[in-house]
Amino acid sequence: MKKLIGILVIATLVMAGCANVKPSHDEYMAAVAAAKSAKKKATAVGYEWRDTGKMIKKAEEIAKGAADSEKAGDKEAAIAAYQKAAKLARKAEKQSHDAVKQQMQQANAGPVF
């Protein structure tokens, strides 16, 4: 029984080590699509923050480097780069949502007499 459990643990670890880059790439694609959608909403209300577009562009550059690493066969570097790009895209999405919230809060701002 102990041998069977040991074999199963080793097999699981080997399978995890052979994981494909696809989940990280899909995670990145979903994050950048959400960031672009949120950016459009912030732009539509006239409250896009200065760095949001730059962050999305930087995430796309990082993902391009990840794709190059993937082609070169360095899966670990590709996974790390896709995760970094996804994190940056999620940060840009949050900024866009915060910009829309700021616009709503300050819609009626003005002097009080």
PDB file of N, CA and C in Angstrom:
ATOM      1  N   MET A   1       0.821  -1.191   0.000  1.00  0.00           N
ATOM      2  CA  MET A   1       0.000   0.000   0.000  1.00  0.00           C
ATOM      3  C   MET A   1       0.872   1.265   0.000  1.00  0.00           C
ATOM      4  N   LYS A   2       1.927   1.246   0.830  1.00  0.00           N
ATOM      5  CA  LYS A   2       2.811   2.405   0.895  1.00  0.00           C
ATOM      6  C   LYS A   2       3.522   2.629  -0.433  1.00  0.00           C
ATOM      7  N   LYS A   3       3.878   1.530  -1.103  1.00  0.00           N
ATOM      8  CA  LYS A   3       4.538   1.652  -2.401  1.00  0.00           C
ATOM      9  C   LYS A   3       3.597   2.272  -3.425  1.00  0.00           C
ATOM     10  N   LEU A   4       2.336   1.879  -3.377  1.00  0.00           N
ATOM     11  CA  LEU A   4       1.345   2.408  -4.312  1.00  0.00           C
ATOM     12  C   LEU A   4       1.157   3.911  -4.109  1.00  0.00           C
ATOM     13  N   ILE A   5       1.062   4.330  -2.867  1.00  0.00           N
ATOM     14  CA  ILE A   5       0.907   5.760  -2.570  1.00  0.00           C
ATOM     15  C   ILE A   5       2.144   6.524  -3.036  1.00  0.00           C
ATOM     16  N   GLY A   6       3.321   5.959  -2.787  1.00  0.00           N
ATOM     17  CA  GLY A   6       4.559   6.597  -3.231  1.00  0.00           C
ATOM     18  C   GLY A   6       4.616   6.735  -4.739  1.00  0.00           C
ATOM     19  N   ILE A   7       4.208   5.691  -5.440  1.00  0.00           N
ATOM     20  CA  ILE A   7       4.198   5.736  -6.907  1.00  0.00           C
ATOM     21  C   ILE A   7       3.206   6.779  -7.407  1.00  0.00           C
ATOM     22  N   LEU A   8       2.044   6.856  -6.771  1.00  0.00           N
ATOM     23  CA  LEU A   8       1.039   7.847  -7.176  1.00  0.00           C
ATOM     24  C   LEU A   8       1.538   9.274  -6.948  1.00  0.00           C
ATOM     25  N   VAL A   9       2.211   9.496  -5.833  1.00  0.00           N
ATOM     26  CA  VAL A   9       2.755  10.828  -5.546  1.00  0.00           C
ATOM     27  C   VAL A   9       3.808  11.199  -6.590  1.00  0.00           C
ATOM     28  N   ILE A  10       4.696  10.281  -6.894  1.00  0.00           N
ATOM     29  CA  ILE A  10       5.735  10.547  -7.895  1.00  0.00           C
ATOM     30  C   ILE A  10       5.117  10.794  -9.265  1.00  0.00           C
ATOM     31  N   ALA A  11       4.134   9.988  -9.627  1.00  0.00           N
ATOM     32  CA  ALA A  11       3.471  10.167 -10.925  1.00  0.00           C
ATOM     33  C   ALA A  11       2.784  11.525 -11.007  1.00  0.00           C
ATOM     34  N   THR A  12       2.163  11.945  -9.916  1.00  0.00           N
ATOM     35  CA  THR A  12       1.498  13.251  -9.895  1.00  0.00           C
ATOM     36  C   THR A  12       2.509  14.376 -10.065  1.00  0.00           C
ATOM     37  N   LEU A  13       3.628  14.273  -9.379  1.00  0.00           N
ATOM     38  CA  LEU A  13       4.656  15.309  -9.494  1.00  0.00           C
ATOM     39  C   LEU A  13       5.249  15.359 -10.896  1.00  0.00           C
ATOM     40  N   VAL A  14       5.446  14.213 -11.500  1.00  0.00           N
ATOM     41  CA  VAL A  14       5.978  14.178 -12.864  1.00  0.00           C
ATOM     42  C   VAL A  14       4.985  14.807 -13.826  1.00  0.00           C
ATOM     43  N   MET A  15       3.716  14.492 -13.664  1.00  0.00           N
ATOM     44  CA  MET A  15       2.685  15.060 -14.544  1.00  0.00           C
ATOM     45  C   MET A  15       2.607  16.576 -14.367  1.00  0.00           C
ATOM     46  N   ALA A  16       2.728  17.044 -13.134  1.00  0.00           N
ATOM     47  CA  ALA A  16       2.684  18.486 -12.889  1.00  0.00           C
ATOM     48  C   ALA A  16       3.893  19.169 -13.514  1.00  0.00           C
ATOM     49  N   GLY A  17       5.030  18.516 -13.502  1.00  0.00           N
ATOM     50  CA  GLY A  17       6.236  19.073 -14.104  1.00  0.00           C
ATOM     51  C   GLY A  17       6.162  19.150 -15.612  1.00  0.00           C
ATOM     52  N   CYS A  18       5.338  18.327 -16.203  1.00  0.00           N
ATOM     53  CA  CYS A  18       5.192  18.308 -17.658  1.00  0.00           C
ATOM     54  C   CYS A  18       4.004  19.146 -18.116  1.00  0.00           C
ATOM     55  N   ALA A  19       3.509  19.992 -17.236  1.00  0.00           N
ATOM     56  CA  ALA A  19       2.331  20.795 -17.581  1.00  0.00           C
ATOM     57  C   ALA A  19       2.634  21.708 -18.756  1.00  0.00           C
ATOM     58  N   ASN A  20       1.629  21.990 -19.523  1.00  0.00           N
ATOM     59  CA  ASN A  20       1.755  22.835 -20.705  1.00  0.00           C
ATOM     60  C   ASN A  20       1.684  24.303 -20.302  1.00  0.00           C
ATOM     61  N   VAL A  21       2.143  25.183 -21.156  1.00  0.00           N
ATOM     62  CA  VAL A  21       2.127  26.616 -20.920  1.00  0.00           C
ATOM     63  C   VAL A  21       0.725  27.180 -21.145  1.00  0.00           C
ATOM     64  N   LYS A  22      -0.139  26.444 -21.773  1.00  0.00           N
ATOM     65  CA  LYS A  22      -1.447  26.929 -22.204  1.00  0.00           C
ATOM     66  C   LYS A  22      -2.263  27.601 -21.097  1.00  0.00           C
ATOM     67  N   PRO A  23      -2.373  27.033 -19.871  1.00  0.00           N
ATOM     68  CA  PRO A  23      -3.188  27.710 -18.862  1.00  0.00           C
ATOM     69  C   PRO A  23      -2.712  29.126 -18.553  1.00  0.00           C
ATOM     70  N   SER A  24      -1.410  29.344 -18.470  1.00  0.00           N
ATOM     71  CA  SER A  24      -0.901  30.687 -18.195  1.00  0.00           C
ATOM     72  C   SER A  24      -1.197  31.627 -19.356  1.00  0.00           C
ATOM     73  N   HIS A  25      -1.088  31.127 -20.570  1.00  0.00           N
ATOM     74  CA  HIS A  25      -1.396  31.940 -21.741  1.00  0.00           C
ATOM     75  C   HIS A  25      -2.876  32.298 -21.753  1.00  0.00           C
ATOM     76  N   ASP A  26      -3.731  31.338 -21.461  1.00  0.00           N
ATOM     77  CA  ASP A  26      -5.169  31.607 -21.424  1.00  0.00           C
ATOM     78  C   ASP A  26      -5.518  32.605 -20.324  1.00  0.00           C
ATOM     79  N   GLU A  27      -4.851  32.468 -19.178  1.00  0.00           N
ATOM     80  CA  GLU A  27      -5.061  33.397 -18.069  1.00  0.00           C
ATOM     81  C   GLU A  27      -4.674  34.816 -18.501  1.00  0.00           C
ATOM     82  N   TYR A  28      -3.541  34.929 -19.189  1.00  0.00           N
ATOM     83  CA  TYR A  28      -3.095  36.232 -19.684  1.00  0.00           C
ATOM     84  C   TYR A  28      -4.098  36.810 -20.677  1.00  0.00           C
ATOM     85  N   MET A  29      -4.546  35.987 -21.621  1.00  0.00           N
ATOM     86  CA  MET A  29      -5.481  36.467 -22.645  1.00  0.00           C
ATOM     87  C   MET A  29      -6.776  36.975 -22.012  1.00  0.00           C
ATOM     88  N   ALA A  30      -7.283  36.260 -21.020  1.00  0.00           N
ATOM     89  CA  ALA A  30      -8.504  36.687 -20.337  1.00  0.00           C
ATOM     90  C   ALA A  30      -8.270  37.993 -19.581  1.00  0.00           C
ATOM     91  N   ALA A  31      -7.124  38.107 -18.922  1.00  0.00           N
ATOM     92  CA  ALA A  31      -6.825  39.310 -18.144  1.00  0.00           C
ATOM     93  C   ALA A  31      -6.666  40.530 -19.040  1.00  0.00           C
ATOM     94  N   VAL A  32      -5.984  40.387 -20.166  1.00  0.00           N
ATOM     95  CA  VAL A  32      -5.780  41.535 -21.051  1.00  0.00           C
ATOM     96  C   VAL A  32      -7.089  41.924 -21.739  1.00  0.00           C
ATOM     97  N   ALA A  33      -7.932  40.955 -22.055  1.00  0.00           N
ATOM     98  CA  ALA A  33      -9.232  41.276 -22.656  1.00  0.00           C
ATOM     99  C   ALA A  33     -10.101  42.043 -21.663  1.00  0.00           C
ATOM    100  N   ALA A  34     -10.086  41.622 -20.404  1.00  0.00           N
ATOM    101  CA  ALA A  34     -10.856  42.321 -19.373  1.00  0.00           C
ATOM    102  C   ALA A  34     -10.303  43.727 -19.145  1.00  0.00           C
ATOM    103  N   ALA A  35      -8.980  43.868 -19.179  1.00  0.00           N
ATOM    104  CA  ALA A  35      -8.361  45.183 -18.984  1.00  0.00           C
ATOM    105  C   ALA A  35      -8.723  46.133 -20.118  1.00  0.00           C
ATOM    106  N   LYS A  36      -8.705  45.633 -21.347  1.00  0.00           N
ATOM    107  CA  LYS A  36      -9.056  46.481 -22.489  1.00  0.00           C
ATOM    108  C   LYS A  36     -10.524  46.885 -22.438  1.00  0.00           C
ATOM    109  N   SER A  37     -11.381  45.980 -22.028  1.00  0.00           N
ATOM    110  CA  SER A  37     -12.805  46.282 -21.919  1.00  0.00           C
ATOM    111  C   SER A  37     -13.047  47.348 -20.848  1.00  0.00           C
ATOM    112  N   ALA A  38     -12.404  47.188 -19.696  1.00  0.00           N
ATOM    113  CA  ALA A  38     -12.553  48.164 -18.620  1.00  0.00           C
ATOM    114  C   ALA A  38     -11.976  49.516 -19.027  1.00  0.00           C
ATOM    115  N   LYS A  39     -10.881  49.505 -19.774  1.00  0.00           N
ATOM    116  CA  LYS A  39     -10.265  50.753 -20.246  1.00  0.00           C
ATOM    117  C   LYS A  39     -11.216  51.496 -21.179  1.00  0.00           C
ATOM    118  N   LYS A  40     -11.919  50.749 -22.031  1.00  0.00           N
ATOM    119  CA  LYS A  40     -12.891  51.383 -22.929  1.00  0.00           C
ATOM    120  C   LYS A  40     -13.998  52.068 -22.139  1.00  0.00           C
ATOM    121  N   LYS A  41     -14.444  51.428 -21.058  1.00  0.00           N
ATOM    122  CA  LYS A  41     -15.490  52.029 -20.219  1.00  0.00           C
ATOM    123  C   LYS A  41     -14.988  53.312 -19.564  1.00  0.00           C
ATOM    124  N   ALA A  42     -13.750  53.282 -19.068  1.00  0.00           N
ATOM    125  CA  ALA A  42     -13.182  54.472 -18.439  1.00  0.00           C
ATOM    126  C   ALA A  42     -12.994  55.588 -19.459  1.00  0.00           C
ATOM    127  N   THR A  43     -12.588  55.235 -20.661  1.00  0.00           N
ATOM    128  CA  THR A  43     -12.420  56.225 -21.726  1.00  0.00           C
ATOM    129  C   THR A  43     -13.767  56.811 -22.123  1.00  0.00           C
ATOM    130  N   ALA A  44     -14.792  55.983 -22.133  1.00  0.00           N
ATOM    131  CA  ALA A  44     -16.127  56.439 -22.529  1.00  0.00           C
ATOM    132  C   ALA A  44     -16.676  57.499 -21.579  1.00  0.00           C
ATOM    133  N   VAL A  45     -16.348  57.393 -20.288  1.00  0.00           N
ATOM    134  CA  VAL A  45     -16.820  58.400 -19.337  1.00  0.00           C
ATOM    135  C   VAL A  45     -15.823  59.546 -19.192  1.00  0.00           C
ATOM    136  N   GLY A  46     -14.721  59.482 -19.942  1.00  0.00           N
ATOM    137  CA  GLY A  46     -13.744  60.571 -19.947  1.00  0.00           C
ATOM    138  C   GLY A  46     -12.838  60.583 -18.732  1.00  0.00           C
ATOM    139  N   TYR A  47     -12.601  59.440 -18.134  1.00  0.00           N
ATOM    140  CA  TYR A  47     -11.805  59.382 -16.910  1.00  0.00           C
ATOM    141  C   TYR A  47     -10.714  58.319 -16.961  1.00  0.00           C
ATOM    142  N   GLU A  48     -10.139  58.091 -18.121  1.00  0.00           N
ATOM    143  CA  GLU A  48      -9.059  57.106 -18.205  1.00  0.00           C
ATOM    144  C   GLU A  48      -7.833  57.656 -17.490  1.00  0.00           C
ATOM    145  N   TRP A  49      -7.248  56.863 -16.652  1.00  0.00           N
ATOM    146  CA  TRP A  49      -6.057  57.292 -15.943  1.00  0.00           C
ATOM    147  C   TRP A  49      -4.843  57.225 -16.859  1.00  0.00           C
ATOM    148  N   ARG A  50      -3.838  58.007 -16.540  1.00  0.00           N
ATOM    149  CA  ARG A  50      -2.672  58.193 -17.386  1.00  0.00           C
ATOM    150  C   ARG A  50      -1.921  56.901 -17.705  1.00  0.00           C
ATOM    151  N   ASP A  51      -1.702  56.065 -16.729  1.00  0.00           N
ATOM    152  CA  ASP A  51      -0.821  54.911 -16.917  1.00  0.00           C
ATOM    153  C   ASP A  51      -1.525  53.626 -17.335  1.00  0.00           C
ATOM    154  N   THR A  52      -2.839  53.617 -17.392  1.00  0.00           N
ATOM    155  CA  THR A  52      -3.559  52.378 -17.681  1.00  0.00           C
ATOM    156  C   THR A  52      -3.190  51.812 -19.048  1.00  0.00           C
ATOM    157  N   GLY A  53      -3.197  52.640 -20.066  1.00  0.00           N
ATOM    158  CA  GLY A  53      -2.836  52.182 -21.410  1.00  0.00           C
ATOM    159  C   GLY A  53      -1.398  51.704 -21.481  1.00  0.00           C
ATOM    160  N   LYS A  54      -0.515  52.395 -20.749  1.00  0.00           N
ATOM    161  CA  LYS A  54       0.892  52.001 -20.723  1.00  0.00           C
ATOM    162  C   LYS A  54       1.054  50.626 -20.077  1.00  0.00           C
ATOM    163  N   MET A  55       0.257  50.363 -19.047  1.00  0.00           N
ATOM    164  CA  MET A  55       0.342  49.072 -18.362  1.00  0.00           C
ATOM    165  C   MET A  55      -0.110  47.937 -19.278  1.00  0.00           C
ATOM    166  N   ILE A  56      -1.169  48.172 -20.031  1.00  0.00           N
ATOM    167  CA  ILE A  56      -1.656  47.149 -20.957  1.00  0.00           C
ATOM    168  C   ILE A  56      -0.611  46.896 -22.044  1.00  0.00           C
ATOM    169  N   LYS A  57      -0.020  47.977 -22.545  1.00  0.00           N
ATOM    170  CA  LYS A  57       1.012  47.833 -23.577  1.00  0.00           C
ATOM    171  C   LYS A  57       2.219  47.059 -23.031  1.00  0.00           C
ATOM    172  N   LYS A  58       2.612  47.350 -21.797  1.00  0.00           N
ATOM    173  CA  LYS A  58       3.737  46.650 -21.173  1.00  0.00           C
ATOM    174  C   LYS A  58       3.406  45.166 -20.989  1.00  0.00           C
ATOM    175  N   ALA A  59       2.161  44.862 -20.599  1.00  0.00           N
ATOM    176  CA  ALA A  59       1.745  43.462 -20.446  1.00  0.00           C
ATOM    177  C   ALA A  59       1.827  42.732 -21.783  1.00  0.00           C
ATOM    178  N   GLU A  60       1.438  43.409 -22.849  1.00  0.00           N
ATOM    179  CA  GLU A  60       1.516  42.795 -24.181  1.00  0.00           C
ATOM    180  C   GLU A  60       2.966  42.544 -24.593  1.00  0.00           C
ATOM    181  N   GLU A  61       3.865  43.463 -24.237  1.00  0.00           N
ATOM    182  CA  GLU A  61       5.287  43.273 -24.543  1.00  0.00           C
ATOM    183  C   GLU A  61       5.859  42.084 -23.771  1.00  0.00           C
ATOM    184  N   ILE A  62       5.475  41.975 -22.503  1.00  0.00           N
ATOM    185  CA  ILE A  62       5.943  40.852 -21.685  1.00  0.00           C
ATOM    186  C   ILE A  62       5.432  39.535 -22.263  1.00  0.00           C
ATOM    187  N   ALA A  63       4.175  39.532 -22.694  1.00  0.00           N
ATOM    188  CA  ALA A  63       3.591  38.315 -23.274  1.00  0.00           C
ATOM    189  C   ALA A  63       4.289  37.938 -24.579  1.00  0.00           C
ATOM    190  N   LYS A  64       4.709  38.940 -25.335  1.00  0.00           N
ATOM    191  CA  LYS A  64       5.449  38.651 -26.570  1.00  0.00           C
ATOM    192  C   LYS A  64       6.773  37.970 -26.233  1.00  0.00           C
ATOM    193  N   GLY A  65       7.427  38.454 -25.190  1.00  0.00           N
ATOM    194  CA  GLY A  65       8.655  37.807 -24.729  1.00  0.00           C
ATOM    195  C   GLY A  65       8.396  36.389 -24.236  1.00  0.00           C
ATOM    196  N   ALA A  66       7.235  36.188 -23.612  1.00  0.00           N
ATOM    197  CA  ALA A  66       6.867  34.847 -23.152  1.00  0.00           C
ATOM    198  C   ALA A  66       6.671  33.912 -24.334  1.00  0.00           C
ATOM    199  N   ALA A  67       6.051  34.423 -25.384  1.00  0.00           N
ATOM    200  CA  ALA A  67       5.845  33.602 -26.582  1.00  0.00           C
ATOM    201  C   ALA A  67       7.188  33.228 -27.206  1.00  0.00           C
ATOM    202  N   ASP A  68       8.123  34.175 -27.191  1.00  0.00           N
ATOM    203  CA  ASP A  68       9.465  33.884 -27.716  1.00  0.00           C
ATOM    204  C   ASP A  68      10.163  32.816 -26.870  1.00  0.00           C
ATOM    205  N   SER A  69      10.000  32.915 -25.543  1.00  0.00           N
ATOM    206  CA  SER A  69      10.593  31.911 -24.652  1.00  0.00           C
ATOM    207  C   SER A  69       9.972  30.541 -24.888  1.00  0.00           C
ATOM    208  N   GLU A  70       8.669  30.547 -25.124  1.00  0.00           N
ATOM    209  CA  GLU A  70       7.964  29.287 -25.373  1.00  0.00           C
ATOM    210  C   GLU A  70       8.469  28.631 -26.660  1.00  0.00           C
ATOM    211  N   LYS A  71       8.680  29.450 -27.690  1.00  0.00           N
ATOM    212  CA  LYS A  71       9.203  28.923 -28.954  1.00  0.00           C
ATOM    213  C   LYS A  71      10.615  28.378 -28.787  1.00  0.00           C
ATOM    214  N   ALA A  72      11.386  29.021 -27.909  1.00  0.00           N
ATOM    215  CA  ALA A  72      12.757  28.580 -27.671  1.00  0.00           C
ATOM    216  C   ALA A  72      12.808  27.330 -26.793  1.00  0.00           C
ATOM    217  N   GLY A  73      11.661  26.948 -26.234  1.00  0.00           N
ATOM    218  CA  GLY A  73      11.610  25.737 -25.421  1.00  0.00           C
ATOM    219  C   GLY A  73      11.761  25.965 -23.935  1.00  0.00           C
ATOM    220  N   ASP A  74      11.826  27.214 -23.500  1.00  0.00           N
ATOM    221  CA  ASP A  74      11.965  27.527 -22.074  1.00  0.00           C
ATOM    222  C   ASP A  74      10.573  27.742 -21.480  1.00  0.00           C
ATOM    223  N   LYS A  75       9.918  26.645 -21.108  1.00  0.00           N
ATOM    224  CA  LYS A  75       8.536  26.714 -20.630  1.00  0.00           C
ATOM    225  C   LYS A  75       8.417  27.433 -19.295  1.00  0.00           C
ATOM    226  N   GLU A  76       9.395  27.238 -18.412  1.00  0.00           N
ATOM    227  CA  GLU A  76       9.327  27.884 -17.099  1.00  0.00           C
ATOM    228  C   GLU A  76       9.367  29.399 -17.234  1.00  0.00           C
ATOM    229  N   ALA A  77      10.244  29.905 -18.085  1.00  0.00           N
ATOM    230  CA  ALA A  77      10.331  31.349 -18.303  1.00  0.00           C
ATOM    231  C   ALA A  77       9.060  31.869 -18.953  1.00  0.00           C
ATOM    232  N   ALA A  78       8.496  31.093 -19.861  1.00  0.00           N
ATOM    233  CA  ALA A  78       7.260  31.501 -20.529  1.00  0.00           C
ATOM    234  C   ALA A  78       6.111  31.576 -19.538  1.00  0.00           C
ATOM    235  N   ILE A  79       5.996  30.579 -18.673  1.00  0.00           N
ATOM    236  CA  ILE A  79       4.929  30.579 -17.667  1.00  0.00           C
ATOM    237  C   ILE A  79       5.076  31.781 -16.747  1.00  0.00           C
ATOM    238  N   ALA A  80       6.297  32.033 -16.271  1.00  0.00           N
ATOM    239  CA  ALA A  80       6.538  33.164 -15.373  1.00  0.00           C
ATOM    240  C   ALA A  80       6.207  34.486 -16.061  1.00  0.00           C
ATOM    241  N   ALA A  81       6.577  34.615 -17.320  1.00  0.00           N
ATOM    242  CA  ALA A  81       6.310  35.858 -18.050  1.00  0.00           C
ATOM    243  C   ALA A  81       4.814  36.046 -18.284  1.00  0.00           C
ATOM    244  N   TYR A  82       4.113  34.978 -18.650  1.00  0.00           N
ATOM    245  CA  TYR A  82       2.665  35.090 -18.838  1.00  0.00           C
ATOM    246  C   TYR A  82       1.973  35.467 -17.530  1.00  0.00           C
ATOM    247  N   GLN A  83       2.437  34.899 -16.414  1.00  0.00           N
ATOM    248  CA  GLN A  83       1.845  35.236 -15.122  1.00  0.00           C
ATOM    249  C   GLN A  83       2.108  36.695 -14.763  1.00  0.00           C
ATOM    250  N   LYS A  84       3.309  37.179 -15.065  1.00  0.00           N
ATOM    251  CA  LYS A  84       3.640  38.585 -14.801  1.00  0.00           C
ATOM    252  C   LYS A  84       2.782  39.502 -15.671  1.00  0.00           C
ATOM    253  N   ALA A  85       2.606  39.135 -16.929  1.00  0.00           N
ATOM    254  CA  ALA A  85       1.782  39.934 -17.838  1.00  0.00           C
ATOM    255  C   ALA A  85       0.327  39.936 -17.389  1.00  0.00           C
ATOM    256  N   ALA A  86      -0.172  38.792 -16.934  1.00  0.00           N
ATOM    257  CA  ALA A  86      -1.556  38.707 -16.456  1.00  0.00           C
ATOM    258  C   ALA A  86      -1.745  39.570 -15.212  1.00  0.00           C
ATOM    259  N   LYS A  87      -0.766  39.556 -14.321  1.00  0.00           N
ATOM    260  CA  LYS A  87      -0.843  40.374 -13.107  1.00  0.00           C
ATOM    261  C   LYS A  87      -0.895  41.861 -13.464  1.00  0.00           C
ATOM    262  N   LEU A  88      -0.082  42.268 -14.408  1.00  0.00           N
ATOM    263  CA  LEU A  88      -0.062  43.664 -14.840  1.00  0.00           C
ATOM    264  C   LEU A  88      -1.381  44.044 -15.516  1.00  0.00           C
ATOM    265  N   ALA A  89      -1.929  43.141 -16.307  1.00  0.00           N
ATOM    266  CA  ALA A  89      -3.213  43.403 -16.971  1.00  0.00           C
ATOM    267  C   ALA A  89      -4.336  43.513 -15.944  1.00  0.00           C
ATOM    268  N   ARG A  90      -4.304  42.671 -14.908  1.00  0.00           N
ATOM    269  CA  ARG A  90      -5.329  42.766 -13.856  1.00  0.00           C
ATOM    270  C   ARG A  90      -5.207  44.091 -13.104  1.00  0.00           C
ATOM    271  N   LYS A  91      -3.976  44.556 -12.915  1.00  0.00           N
ATOM    272  CA  LYS A  91      -3.762  45.847 -12.254  1.00  0.00           C
ATOM    273  C   LYS A  91      -4.327  46.982 -13.118  1.00  0.00           C
ATOM    274  N   ALA A  92      -4.130  46.899 -14.424  1.00  0.00           N
ATOM    275  CA  ALA A  92      -4.682  47.905 -15.338  1.00  0.00           C
ATOM    276  C   ALA A  92      -6.207  47.865 -15.320  1.00  0.00           C
ATOM    277  N   GLU A  93      -6.769  46.665 -15.243  1.00  0.00           N
ATOM    278  CA  GLU A  93      -8.230  46.542 -15.166  1.00  0.00           C
ATOM    279  C   GLU A  93      -8.748  47.202 -13.890  1.00  0.00           C
ATOM    280  N   LYS A  94      -8.069  46.966 -12.772  1.00  0.00           N
ATOM    281  CA  LYS A  94      -8.484  47.580 -11.507  1.00  0.00           C
ATOM    282  C   LYS A  94      -8.408  49.097 -11.595  1.00  0.00           C
ATOM    283  N   GLN A  95      -7.359  49.605 -12.218  1.00  0.00           N
ATOM    284  CA  GLN A  95      -7.242  51.054 -12.376  1.00  0.00           C
ATOM    285  C   GLN A  95      -8.410  51.613 -13.175  1.00  0.00           C
ATOM    286  N   SER A  96      -8.812  50.913 -14.206  1.00  0.00           N
ATOM    287  CA  SER A  96      -9.933  51.385 -15.022  1.00  0.00           C
ATOM    288  C   SER A  96     -11.228  51.382 -14.223  1.00  0.00           C
ATOM    289  N   HIS A  97     -11.448  50.321 -13.444  1.00  0.00           N
ATOM    290  CA  HIS A  97     -12.648  50.277 -12.605  1.00  0.00           C
ATOM    291  C   HIS A  97     -12.616  51.407 -11.574  1.00  0.00           C
ATOM    292  N   ASP A  98     -11.438  51.646 -10.995  1.00  0.00           N
ATOM    293  CA  ASP A  98     -11.300  52.731 -10.027  1.00  0.00           C
ATOM    294  C   ASP A  98     -11.530  54.094 -10.681  1.00  0.00           C
ATOM    295  N   ALA A  99     -11.111  54.246 -11.919  1.00  0.00           N
ATOM    296  CA  ALA A  99     -11.325  55.506 -12.636  1.00  0.00           C
ATOM    297  C   ALA A  99     -12.812  55.758 -12.851  1.00  0.00           C
ATOM    298  N   VAL A 100     -13.552  54.717 -13.193  1.00  0.00           N
ATOM    299  CA  VAL A 100     -15.001  54.868 -13.380  1.00  0.00           C
ATOM    300  C   VAL A 100     -15.662  55.214 -12.049  1.00  0.00           C
ATOM    301  N   LYS A 101     -15.230  54.571 -10.959  1.00  0.00           N
ATOM    302  CA  LYS A 101     -15.769  54.889  -9.629  1.00  0.00           C
ATOM    303  C   LYS A 101     -15.468  56.340  -9.271  1.00  0.00           C
ATOM    304  N   GLN A 102     -14.259  56.787  -9.571  1.00  0.00           N
ATOM    305  CA  GLN A 102     -13.878  58.164  -9.281  1.00  0.00           C
ATOM    306  C   GLN A 102     -14.756  59.136 -10.060  1.00  0.00           C
ATOM    307  N   GLN A 103     -15.026  58.819 -11.302  1.00  0.00           N
ATOM    308  CA  GLN A 103     -15.872  59.687 -12.118  1.00  0.00           C
ATOM    309  C   GLN A 103     -17.269  59.781 -11.519  1.00  0.00           C
ATOM    310  N   MET A 104     -17.804  58.663 -11.050  1.00  0.00           N
ATOM    311  CA  MET A 104     -19.141  58.672 -10.445  1.00  0.00           C
ATOM    312  C   MET A 104     -19.160  59.485  -9.159  1.00  0.00           C
ATOM    313  N   GLN A 105     -18.118  59.352  -8.352  1.00  0.00           N
ATOM    314  CA  GLN A 105     -18.051  60.072  -7.088  1.00  0.00           C
ATOM    315  C   GLN A 105     -17.886  61.574  -7.299  1.00  0.00           C
ATOM    316  N   GLN A 106     -17.194  61.961  -8.355  1.00  0.00           N
ATOM    317  CA  GLN A 106     -16.895  63.367  -8.574  1.00  0.00           C
ATOM    318  C   GLN A 106     -17.755  63.994  -9.662  1.00  0.00           C
ATOM    319  N   ALA A 107     -18.810  63.313 -10.057  1.00  0.00           N
ATOM    320  CA  ALA A 107     -19.658  63.823 -11.136  1.00  0.00           C
ATOM    321  C   ALA A 107     -20.296  65.159 -10.770  1.00  0.00           C
ATOM    322  N   ASN A 108     -20.681  65.320  -9.538  1.00  0.00           N
ATOM    323  CA  ASN A 108     -21.354  66.551  -9.110  1.00  0.00           C
ATOM    324  C   ASN A 108     -20.445  67.437  -8.271  1.00  0.00           C
ATOM    325  N   ALA A 109     -19.155  67.250  -8.385  1.00  0.00           N
ATOM    326  CA  ALA A 109     -18.215  68.049  -7.611  1.00  0.00           C
ATOM    327  C   ALA A 109     -18.213  69.486  -8.124  1.00  0.00           C
ATOM    328  N   GLY A 110     -18.092  70.379  -7.229  1.00  0.00           N
ATOM    329  CA  GLY A 110     -18.056  71.783  -7.597  1.00  0.00           C
ATOM    330  C   GLY A 110     -17.964  72.637  -6.348  1.00  0.00           C
ATOM    331  N   PRO A 111     -17.888  73.930  -6.525  1.00  0.00           N
ATOM    332  CA  PRO A 111     -17.785  74.802  -5.357  1.00  0.00           C
ATOM    333  C   PRO A 111     -19.099  74.835  -4.571  1.00  0.00           C
ATOM    334  N   VAL A 112     -18.961  74.963  -3.282  1.00  0.00           N
ATOM    335  CA  VAL A 112     -20.123  75.080  -2.406  1.00  0.00           C
ATOM    336  C   VAL A 112     -20.137  76.507  -1.874  1.00  0.00           C
ATOM    337  N   PHE A 113     -21.229  77.201  -2.123  1.00  0.00           N
ATOM    338  CA  PHE A 113     -21.328  78.601  -1.687  1.00  0.00           C
ATOM    339  C   PHE A 113     -22.226  78.737  -0.500  1.00  0.00           C
TER     340      PHE A 113
END
